[in-house]
C-alpha atoms as a PDB file:
ATOM      1  CA  UNK A   1      53.551 186.792 126.095  1.00  0.00           C
ATOM      2  CA  UNK A   2      52.179 185.700 122.757  1.00  0.00           C
ATOM      3  CA  UNK A   3      53.249 182.513 121.031  1.00  0.00           C
ATOM      4  CA  UNK A   4      52.721 182.324 117.312  1.00  0.00           C
ATOM      5  CA  UNK A   5      51.672 178.981 115.864  1.00  0.00           C
ATOM      6  CA  UNK A   6      54.719 179.018 113.600  1.00  0.00           C
ATOM      7  CA  UNK A   7      56.933 179.046 116.718  1.00  0.00           C
ATOM      8  CA  UNK A   8      55.391 176.016 118.434  1.00  0.00           C
ATOM      9  CA  UNK A   9      57.764 173.494 116.848  1.00  0.00           C
ATOM     10  CA  UNK A  10      60.812 175.298 118.252  1.00  0.00           C
ATOM     11  CA  UNK A  11      59.601 175.886 121.821  1.00  0.00           C
ATOM     12  CA  UNK A  12      60.760 173.545 124.568  1.00  0.00           C
ATOM     13  CA  UNK A  13      57.906 172.990 127.017  1.00  0.00           C
ATOM     14  CA  UNK A  14      59.752 170.333 129.040  1.00  0.00           C
ATOM     15  CA  UNK A  15      60.468 172.669 131.961  1.00  0.00           C
ATOM     16  CA  UNK A  16      56.838 173.609 132.517  1.00  0.00           C
ATOM     17  CA  UNK A  17      55.314 172.586 135.818  1.00  0.00           C
ATOM     18  CA  UNK A  18      52.911 169.705 135.664  1.00  0.00           C
ATOM     19  CA  UNK A  19      49.654 169.779 137.543  1.00  0.00           C
ATOM     20  CA  UNK A  20      47.976 166.850 139.201  1.00  0.00           C
ATOM     21  CA  UNK A  21      47.493 164.112 136.643  1.00  0.00           C
ATOM     22  CA  UNK A  22      44.304 162.204 136.118  1.00  0.00           C
ATOM     23  CA  UNK A  23      44.606 158.464 135.846  1.00  0.00           C
ATOM     24  CA  UNK A  24      44.252 157.190 132.292  1.00  0.00           C
ATOM     25  CA  UNK A  25      40.817 155.821 131.456  1.00  0.00           C
ATOM     26  CA  UNK A  26      40.772 152.204 130.348  1.00  0.00           C
ATOM     27  CA  UNK A  27      38.525 151.580 127.323  1.00  0.00           C
ATOM     28  CA  UNK A  28      36.774 148.893 129.356  1.00  0.00           C
ATOM     29  CA  UNK A  29      35.517 151.602 131.697  1.00  0.00           C
ATOM     30  CA  UNK A  30      34.047 153.490 128.729  1.00  0.00           C
ATOM     31  CA  UNK A  31      32.444 150.313 127.402  1.00  0.00           C
ATOM     32  CA  UNK A  32      30.968 149.513 130.811  1.00  0.00           C
ATOM     33  CA  UNK A  33      29.882 152.997 131.927  1.00  0.00           C
ATOM     34  CA  UNK A  34      28.847 154.589 128.620  1.00  0.00           C
ATOM     35  CA  UNK A  35      27.426 151.608 126.746  1.00  0.00           C
ATOM     36  CA  UNK A  36      26.607 148.524 128.792  1.00  0.00           C
ATOM     37  CA  UNK A  37      25.110 150.072 131.923  1.00  0.00           C
ATOM     38  CA  UNK A  38      22.967 152.756 130.220  1.00  0.00           C
ATOM     39  CA  UNK A  39      21.775 150.309 127.565  1.00  0.00           C
ATOM     40  CA  UNK A  40      21.196 147.572 130.152  1.00  0.00           C
ATOM     41  CA  UNK A  41      23.365 145.081 128.278  1.00  0.00           C
ATOM     42  CA  UNK A  42      25.263 142.452 130.241  1.00  0.00           C
ATOM     43  CA  UNK A  43      28.804 141.529 129.282  1.00  0.00           C
ATOM     44  CA  UNK A  44      27.535 138.017 128.589  1.00  0.00           C
ATOM     45  CA  UNK A  45      24.799 139.278 126.243  1.00  0.00           C
ATOM     46  CA  UNK A  46      27.357 141.435 124.452  1.00  0.00           C
ATOM     47  CA  UNK A  47      29.717 138.495 124.043  1.00  0.00           C
ATOM     48  CA  UNK A  48      26.905 136.464 122.481  1.00  0.00           C
ATOM     49  CA  UNK A  49      26.022 139.303 120.106  1.00  0.00           C
ATOM     50  CA  UNK A  50      29.672 139.755 119.114  1.00  0.00           C
ATOM     51  CA  UNK A  51      30.211 135.993 118.839  1.00  0.00           C
ATOM     52  CA  UNK A  52      33.268 136.035 121.084  1.00  0.00           C
ATOM     53  CA  UNK A  53      34.096 134.319 124.388  1.00  0.00           C
ATOM     54  CA  UNK A  54      32.435 135.885 127.426  1.00  0.00           C
ATOM     55  CA  UNK A  55      35.809 135.987 129.172  1.00  0.00           C
ATOM     56  CA  UNK A  56      37.078 138.470 126.569  1.00  0.00           C
ATOM     57  CA  UNK A  57      34.341 141.024 127.297  1.00  0.00           C
ATOM     58  CA  UNK A  58      34.480 140.363 131.042  1.00  0.00           C
ATOM     59  CA  UNK A  59      38.226 140.971 131.069  1.00  0.00           C
ATOM     60  CA  UNK A  60      37.808 144.185 129.066  1.00  0.00           C
ATOM     61  CA  UNK A  61      35.075 145.655 131.290  1.00  0.00           C
ATOM     62  CA  UNK A  62      37.062 144.643 134.398  1.00  0.00           C
ATOM     63  CA  UNK A  63      39.974 146.581 132.836  1.00  0.00           C
ATOM     64  CA  UNK A  64      42.250 143.535 132.691  1.00  0.00           C
ATOM     65  CA  UNK A  65      42.448 143.236 128.913  1.00  0.00           C
ATOM     66  CA  UNK A  66      43.036 145.526 125.959  1.00  0.00           C
ATOM     67  CA  UNK A  67      40.630 146.006 123.085  1.00  0.00           C
ATOM     68  CA  UNK A  68      42.110 144.330 120.009  1.00  0.00           C
ATOM     69  CA  UNK A  69      41.401 145.252 116.402  1.00  0.00           C
ATOM     70  CA  UNK A  70      39.159 142.181 116.164  1.00  0.00           C
ATOM     71  CA  UNK A  71      37.106 143.289 119.156  1.00  0.00           C
ATOM     72  CA  UNK A  72      37.052 146.916 117.977  1.00  0.00           C
ATOM     73  CA  UNK A  73      35.586 145.874 114.628  1.00  0.00           C
ATOM     74  CA  UNK A  74      32.904 143.807 116.355  1.00  0.00           C
ATOM     75  CA  UNK A  75      32.038 146.558 118.859  1.00  0.00           C
ATOM     76  CA  UNK A  76      31.815 149.104 116.046  1.00  0.00           C
ATOM     77  CA  UNK A  77      29.485 146.889 114.050  1.00  0.00           C
ATOM     78  CA  UNK A  78      27.258 146.247 117.066  1.00  0.00           C
ATOM     79  CA  UNK A  79      27.077 149.791 118.461  1.00  0.00           C
ATOM     80  CA  UNK A  80      27.076 151.594 115.103  1.00  0.00           C
ATOM     81  CA  UNK A  81      30.243 153.577 115.678  1.00  0.00           C
ATOM     82  CA  UNK A  82      33.743 153.010 114.281  1.00  0.00           C
ATOM     83  CA  UNK A  83      36.586 150.643 115.033  1.00  0.00           C
ATOM     84  CA  UNK A  84      38.796 153.745 115.094  1.00  0.00           C
ATOM     85  CA  UNK A  85      36.789 155.020 118.069  1.00  0.00           C
ATOM     86  CA  UNK A  86      37.545 151.881 120.075  1.00  0.00           C
ATOM     87  CA  UNK A  87      41.163 151.669 118.940  1.00  0.00           C
ATOM     88  CA  UNK A  88      41.611 155.359 119.712  1.00  0.00           C
ATOM     89  CA  UNK A  89      40.480 154.754 123.289  1.00  0.00           C
ATOM     90  CA  UNK A  90      42.916 151.858 123.582  1.00  0.00           C
ATOM     91  CA  UNK A  91      45.795 153.790 122.019  1.00  0.00           C
ATOM     92  CA  UNK A  92      45.189 156.809 124.269  1.00  0.00           C
ATOM     93  CA  UNK A  93      45.188 154.537 127.320  1.00  0.00           C
ATOM     94  CA  UNK A  94      48.314 152.644 126.242  1.00  0.00           C
ATOM     95  CA  UNK A  95      50.137 155.905 125.490  1.00  0.00           C
ATOM     96  CA  UNK A  96      49.276 157.399 128.891  1.00  0.00           C
ATOM     97  CA  UNK A  97      50.429 154.271 130.722  1.00  0.00           C
ATOM     98  CA  UNK A  98      53.656 154.112 128.696  1.00  0.00           C
ATOM     99  CA  UNK A  99      54.409 157.815 129.213  1.00  0.00           C
ATOM    100  CA  UNK A 100      54.029 157.364 132.940  1.00  0.00           C
ATOM    101  CA  UNK A 101      56.170 154.234 133.158  1.00  0.00           C
ATOM    102  CA  UNK A 102      58.874 155.664 130.858  1.00  0.00           C
ATOM    103  CA  UNK A 103      58.870 159.181 132.317  1.00  0.00           C
ATOM    104  CA  UNK A 104      62.370 159.031 133.847  1.00  0.00           C
ATOM    105  CA  UNK A 105      63.948 157.372 130.802  1.00  0.00           C
ATOM    106  CA  UNK A 106      62.303 159.838 128.423  1.00  0.00           C
ATOM    107  CA  UNK A 107      63.465 162.792 130.509  1.00  0.00           C
ATOM    108  CA  UNK A 108      67.081 161.628 130.081  1.00  0.00           C
ATOM    109  CA  UNK A 109      66.810 161.724 126.274  1.00  0.00           C
ATOM    110  CA  UNK A 110      68.009 165.000 124.785  1.00  0.00           C
ATOM    111  CA  UNK A 111      66.103 166.505 121.880  1.00  0.00           C
ATOM    112  CA  UNK A 112      67.892 166.375 118.522  1.00  0.00           C
ATOM    113  CA  UNK A 113      69.579 169.662 117.719  1.00  0.00           C
ATOM    114  CA  UNK A 114      70.656 169.986 114.070  1.00  0.00           C
ATOM    115  CA  UNK A 115      73.129 172.713 115.067  1.00  0.00           C
ATOM    116  CA  UNK A 116      75.103 170.110 117.028  1.00  0.00           C
ATOM    117  CA  UNK A 117      74.772 167.222 114.575  1.00  0.00           C
END
């Protein structure tokens, strides 16, 4: 079966089987595993460089706190990437957690059908 890109908006994929889901990745895990550990930077040293309380970075890398816009801007400045990168990680994580917690409620919502409006 071939699906044309023009048809994607009208196809209902809700009945498709779902495979085993991976747990969402907290942005603190990315910060810890992809930045701090390889670069040998402690959370305390990072907090000093970013001029923020050490508890903020500790809570983020322990996956107990979200990355705010303020923190994203500081991380981007320090690591030479973008605030959008950090906020994208946070948004992806938040969306995955929300989808999981709202799964039953979302499944009860019927898609708008203009033919029945």
